[in-house]
PDB file of N, CA and C in Angstrom:
ATOM      1  N   ARG A   1      -4.732 -56.558  77.585  1.00  0.00           N
ATOM      2  CA  ARG A   1      -3.707 -57.270  77.900  1.00  0.00           C
ATOM      3  C   ARG A   1      -3.743 -57.660  78.930  1.00  0.00           C
ATOM      4  N   LEU A   2      -3.181 -59.167  79.362  1.00  0.00           N
ATOM      5  CA  LEU A   2      -3.237 -59.836  80.923  1.00  0.00           C
ATOM      6  C   LEU A   2      -2.397 -58.648  81.588  1.00  0.00           C
ATOM      7  N   GLY A   3      -1.612 -58.167  81.166  1.00  0.00           N
ATOM      8  CA  GLY A   3      -0.917 -57.288  82.322  1.00  0.00           C
ATOM      9  C   GLY A   3      -1.870 -56.194  82.535  1.00  0.00           C
ATOM     10  N   ILE A   4      -2.505 -55.405  81.793  1.00  0.00           N
ATOM     11  CA  ILE A   4      -3.269 -54.542  82.209  1.00  0.00           C
ATOM     12  C   ILE A   4      -4.482 -55.182  82.904  1.00  0.00           C
ATOM     13  N   GLY A   5      -5.055 -56.221  82.761  1.00  0.00           N
ATOM     14  CA  GLY A   5      -6.176 -56.788  83.731  1.00  0.00           C
ATOM     15  C   GLY A   5      -6.049 -57.162  84.552  1.00  0.00           C
ATOM     16  N   LEU A   6      -4.357 -57.596  84.971  1.00  0.00           N
ATOM     17  CA  LEU A   6      -3.984 -57.858  86.420  1.00  0.00           C
ATOM     18  C   LEU A   6      -3.896 -56.202  87.324  1.00  0.00           C
ATOM     19  N   ALA A   7      -3.360 -55.245  86.449  1.00  0.00           N
ATOM     20  CA  ALA A   7      -2.945 -53.748  87.108  1.00  0.00           C
ATOM     21  C   ALA A   7      -4.533 -53.443  87.727  1.00  0.00           C
ATOM     22  N   ILE A   8      -5.523 -53.870  86.827  1.00  0.00           N
ATOM     23  CA  ILE A   8      -6.682 -52.894  87.194  1.00  0.00           C
ATOM     24  C   ILE A   8      -7.383 -54.325  88.546  1.00  0.00           C
ATOM     25  N   ALA A   9      -7.413 -55.580  88.257  1.00  0.00           N
ATOM     26  CA  ALA A   9      -7.614 -56.130  89.448  1.00  0.00           C
ATOM     27  C   ALA A   9      -6.923 -56.226  90.808  1.00  0.00           C
ATOM     28  N   GLY A  10      -5.500 -55.531  90.474  1.00  0.00           N
ATOM     29  CA  GLY A  10      -4.945 -55.500  91.893  1.00  0.00           C
ATOM     30  C   GLY A  10      -5.482 -54.181  92.441  1.00  0.00           C
ATOM     31  N   GLY A  11      -5.521 -53.066  91.721  1.00  0.00           N
ATOM     32  CA  GLY A  11      -6.086 -51.952  91.884  1.00  0.00           C
ATOM     33  C   GLY A  11      -7.356 -52.004  92.799  1.00  0.00           C
ATOM     34  N   VAL A  12      -7.942 -52.580  92.213  1.00  0.00           N
ATOM     35  CA  VAL A  12      -9.876 -53.239  92.967  1.00  0.00           C
ATOM     36  C   VAL A  12      -9.289 -53.493  94.362  1.00  0.00           C
ATOM     37  N   VAL A  13      -8.300 -54.666  94.506  1.00  0.00           N
ATOM     38  CA  VAL A  13      -8.241 -55.470  95.822  1.00  0.00           C
ATOM     39  C   VAL A  13      -7.598 -54.452  96.539  1.00  0.00           C
ATOM     40  N   ASN A  14      -6.698 -53.889  96.102  1.00  0.00           N
ATOM     41  CA  ASN A  14      -5.928 -52.630  96.566  1.00  0.00           C
ATOM     42  C   ASN A  14      -6.834 -51.966  97.454  1.00  0.00           C
ATOM     43  N   SER A  15      -7.915 -51.565  96.768  1.00  0.00           N
ATOM     44  CA  SER A  15      -9.013 -50.287  97.262  1.00  0.00           C
ATOM     45  C   SER A  15      -9.752 -51.080  98.295  1.00  0.00           C
ATOM     46  N   MET A  16      -9.926 -52.406  97.878  1.00  0.00           N
ATOM     47  CA  MET A  16     -11.025 -52.890  99.092  1.00  0.00           C
ATOM     48  C   MET A  16      -9.783 -53.113 100.375  1.00  0.00           C
ATOM     49  N   LEU A  17      -9.072 -53.616 100.350  1.00  0.00           N
ATOM     50  CA  LEU A  17      -8.390 -53.735 101.248  1.00  0.00           C
ATOM     51  C   LEU A  17      -7.768 -52.464 102.264  1.00  0.00           C
ATOM     52  N   TYR A  18      -7.857 -51.317 101.448  1.00  0.00           N
ATOM     53  CA  TYR A  18      -7.886 -49.760 101.912  1.00  0.00           C
ATOM     54  C   TYR A  18      -8.877 -49.657 102.688  1.00  0.00           C
ATOM     55  N   ASN A  19      -9.967 -49.928 101.846  1.00  0.00           N
ATOM     56  CA  ASN A  19     -11.141 -49.512 102.782  1.00  0.00           C
ATOM     57  C   ASN A  19     -11.729 -50.445 104.064  1.00  0.00           C
ATOM     58  N   GLY A  20     -11.081 -51.725 103.756  1.00  0.00           N
ATOM     59  CA  GLY A  20     -11.439 -52.636 105.073  1.00  0.00           C
ATOM     60  C   GLY A  20     -10.829 -51.901 106.063  1.00  0.00           C
ATOM     61  N   LYS A  21      -9.639 -51.342 106.208  1.00  0.00           N
ATOM     62  CA  LYS A  21      -9.016 -50.998 107.113  1.00  0.00           C
ATOM     63  C   LYS A  21      -9.499 -49.696 107.681  1.00  0.00           C
TER      64      LYS A  21
END
C-alpha cells in the first residue's frame, strides 16, 4: 500500500537525518 511505502520512506529519511546529526 502507498501508506506503508510512505512510512518506510519516512523512516529511512528520518534515519538519515538522525545519522546526519
